[in-house]
Amino acid sequence: MSARLTTRGKLAWGLVALVTVLHFDFWWWDSTAIVFGFVPLTLAHQIGITLGAGLAWALVMRFAWPSGVEEWADQGPIAKPAREASPRAAAGLGRSK
């Protein structure tokens, strides 16, 4: 598994950073502007940020998600040695003949 990001992966993470910075809309705190006749400007900005964040994460999952995570998860549970198969066997409480 390579830990190096592709150019697309770096751009996707850059978009996440940009959305994070743009989330803090301090420049519109005092705005009384209305968008579409009923939506306050700051709410419209947050709607845009929400859509942008969803797009950014979709791009990260597509271009920058580590492939080793899925490979590890697809391997399934690690087999235990027979002597540690159950807590009773490990404690020596198995069946005796």
C-alpha atoms as a PDB file:
ATOM      1  CA  MET A   1       0.000   0.000   0.000  1.00  0.00           C
ATOM      2  CA  SER A   2       1.397   3.344  -1.007  1.00  0.00           C
ATOM      3  CA  ALA A   3       0.945   6.309   1.308  1.00  0.00           C
ATOM      4  CA  ARG A   4       1.550   8.805  -1.516  1.00  0.00           C
ATOM      5  CA  LEU A   5      -1.385  10.864  -2.731  1.00  0.00           C
ATOM      6  CA  THR A   6      -2.093  11.458  -6.381  1.00  0.00           C
ATOM      7  CA  THR A   7      -2.526  14.971  -7.715  1.00  0.00           C
ATOM      8  CA  ARG A   8      -6.294  14.449  -7.724  1.00  0.00           C
ATOM      9  CA  GLY A   9      -6.131  13.308  -4.100  1.00  0.00           C
ATOM     10  CA  LYS A  10      -4.200  16.418  -3.096  1.00  0.00           C
ATOM     11  CA  LEU A  11      -6.709  18.606  -4.921  1.00  0.00           C
ATOM     12  CA  ALA A  12      -9.594  16.830  -3.173  1.00  0.00           C
ATOM     13  CA  TRP A  13      -8.018  17.429   0.245  1.00  0.00           C
ATOM     14  CA  GLY A  14      -7.333  21.037  -0.784  1.00  0.00           C
ATOM     15  CA  LEU A  15     -11.041  21.426  -1.562  1.00  0.00           C
ATOM     16  CA  VAL A  16     -11.887  20.095   1.915  1.00  0.00           C
ATOM     17  CA  ALA A  17      -9.551  22.688   3.446  1.00  0.00           C
ATOM     18  CA  LEU A  18     -11.102  25.452   1.311  1.00  0.00           C
ATOM     19  CA  VAL A  19     -14.650  24.477   2.317  1.00  0.00           C
ATOM     20  CA  THR A  20     -13.556  24.469   5.967  1.00  0.00           C
ATOM     21  CA  VAL A  21     -12.141  27.993   5.720  1.00  0.00           C
ATOM     22  CA  LEU A  22     -15.146  29.306   3.766  1.00  0.00           C
ATOM     23  CA  HIS A  23     -17.486  27.862   6.392  1.00  0.00           C
ATOM     24  CA  PHE A  24     -16.616  30.752   8.721  1.00  0.00           C
ATOM     25  CA  ASP A  25     -18.493  33.513   6.907  1.00  0.00           C
ATOM     26  CA  PHE A  26     -17.569  36.360   9.253  1.00  0.00           C
ATOM     27  CA  TRP A  27     -17.843  38.841   6.380  1.00  0.00           C
ATOM     28  CA  TRP A  28     -21.659  38.375   6.190  1.00  0.00           C
ATOM     29  CA  TRP A  29     -22.583  38.349   9.887  1.00  0.00           C
ATOM     30  CA  ASP A  30     -24.300  41.737   9.723  1.00  0.00           C
ATOM     31  CA  SER A  31     -25.880  41.257   6.295  1.00  0.00           C
ATOM     32  CA  THR A  32     -29.653  41.645   5.999  1.00  0.00           C
ATOM     33  CA  ALA A  33     -29.725  40.625   2.321  1.00  0.00           C
ATOM     34  CA  ILE A  34     -32.353  38.157   1.160  1.00  0.00           C
ATOM     35  CA  VAL A  35     -31.732  35.585  -1.599  1.00  0.00           C
ATOM     36  CA  PHE A  36     -34.569  34.227  -3.790  1.00  0.00           C
ATOM     37  CA  GLY A  37     -36.946  36.549  -1.954  1.00  0.00           C
ATOM     38  CA  PHE A  38     -37.065  34.580   1.326  1.00  0.00           C
ATOM     39  CA  VAL A  39     -33.670  33.027   2.244  1.00  0.00           C
ATOM     40  CA  PRO A  40     -31.251  35.114   4.337  1.00  0.00           C
ATOM     41  CA  LEU A  41     -27.846  35.445   2.685  1.00  0.00           C
ATOM     42  CA  THR A  42     -26.001  33.671   5.516  1.00  0.00           C
ATOM     43  CA  LEU A  43     -28.393  30.706   5.321  1.00  0.00           C
ATOM     44  CA  ALA A  44     -27.903  30.518   1.539  1.00  0.00           C
ATOM     45  CA  HIS A  45     -24.149  30.567   2.166  1.00  0.00           C
ATOM     46  CA  GLN A  46     -24.452  27.662   4.611  1.00  0.00           C
ATOM     47  CA  ILE A  47     -26.552  25.709   2.098  1.00  0.00           C
ATOM     48  CA  GLY A  48     -23.794  26.211  -0.452  1.00  0.00           C
ATOM     49  CA  ILE A  49     -21.152  25.144   2.070  1.00  0.00           C
ATOM     50  CA  THR A  50     -23.150  21.997   2.874  1.00  0.00           C
ATOM     51  CA  LEU A  51     -23.379  21.051  -0.802  1.00  0.00           C
ATOM     52  CA  GLY A  52     -19.677  21.881  -1.264  1.00  0.00           C
ATOM     53  CA  ALA A  53     -18.703  19.748   1.731  1.00  0.00           C
ATOM     54  CA  GLY A  54     -20.661  16.799   0.351  1.00  0.00           C
ATOM     55  CA  LEU A  55     -18.944  17.180  -3.008  1.00  0.00           C
ATOM     56  CA  ALA A  56     -15.528  17.553  -1.367  1.00  0.00           C
ATOM     57  CA  TRP A  57     -15.938  14.356   0.672  1.00  0.00           C
ATOM     58  CA  ALA A  58     -17.189  12.466  -2.380  1.00  0.00           C
ATOM     59  CA  LEU A  59     -14.024  13.533  -4.214  1.00  0.00           C
ATOM     60  CA  VAL A  60     -11.832  12.511  -1.273  1.00  0.00           C
ATOM     61  CA  MET A  61     -13.476   9.080  -1.166  1.00  0.00           C
ATOM     62  CA  ARG A  62     -12.996   8.719  -4.927  1.00  0.00           C
ATOM     63  CA  PHE A  63      -9.416   9.977  -5.286  1.00  0.00           C
ATOM     64  CA  ALA A  64      -7.702   9.970  -1.866  1.00  0.00           C
ATOM     65  CA  TRP A  65      -9.218   7.123   0.159  1.00  0.00           C
ATOM     66  CA  PRO A  66      -6.544   4.621   1.261  1.00  0.00           C
ATOM     67  CA  SER A  67      -7.087   1.324  -0.541  1.00  0.00           C
ATOM     68  CA  GLY A  68      -5.440  -0.628   2.273  1.00  0.00           C
ATOM     69  CA  VAL A  69      -8.452  -0.067   4.520  1.00  0.00           C
ATOM     70  CA  GLU A  70     -10.752  -2.040   2.236  1.00  0.00           C
ATOM     71  CA  GLU A  71      -8.121  -4.738   1.696  1.00  0.00           C
ATOM     72  CA  TRP A  72      -7.751  -5.139   5.447  1.00  0.00           C
ATOM     73  CA  ALA A  73     -11.515  -5.231   6.006  1.00  0.00           C
ATOM     74  CA  ASP A  74     -12.063  -7.757   3.194  1.00  0.00           C
ATOM     75  CA  GLN A  75      -9.660 -10.225   4.806  1.00  0.00           C
ATOM     76  CA  GLY A  76     -12.250 -11.072   7.443  1.00  0.00           C
ATOM     77  CA  PRO A  77     -11.598 -12.027  11.045  1.00  0.00           C
ATOM     78  CA  ILE A  78      -8.184 -13.330  11.966  1.00  0.00           C
ATOM     79  CA  ALA A  79      -8.325 -17.025  12.811  1.00  0.00           C
ATOM     80  CA  LYS A  80      -7.502 -17.859  16.414  1.00  0.00           C
ATOM     81  CA  PRO A  81      -5.315 -20.815  17.327  1.00  0.00           C
ATOM     82  CA  ALA A  82      -7.351 -23.862  18.387  1.00  0.00           C
ATOM     83  CA  ARG A  83      -6.298 -23.636  22.032  1.00  0.00           C
ATOM     84  CA  GLU A  84      -7.681 -20.089  22.235  1.00  0.00           C
ATOM     85  CA  ALA A  85     -10.854 -20.796  20.292  1.00  0.00           C
ATOM     86  CA  SER A  86     -13.132 -20.191  23.273  1.00  0.00           C
ATOM     87  CA  PRO A  87     -12.745 -18.537  26.655  1.00  0.00           C
ATOM     88  CA  ARG A  88     -13.638 -21.838  28.379  1.00  0.00           C
ATOM     89  CA  ALA A  89     -10.868 -23.686  26.510  1.00  0.00           C
ATOM     90  CA  ALA A  90      -8.396 -20.933  27.258  1.00  0.00           C
ATOM     91  CA  ALA A  91      -9.258 -21.179  30.967  1.00  0.00           C
ATOM     92  CA  GLY A  92      -8.848 -24.962  30.937  1.00  0.00           C
ATOM     93  CA  LEU A  93     -12.540 -25.570  31.481  1.00  0.00           C
ATOM     94  CA  GLY A  94     -13.035 -27.736  28.412  1.00  0.00           C
ATOM     95  CA  ARG A  95     -14.783 -31.102  28.441  1.00  0.00           C
ATOM     96  CA  SER A  96     -12.906 -33.926  30.131  1.00  0.00           C
ATOM     97  CA  LYS A  97     -13.415 -37.592  29.214  1.00  0.00           C
END
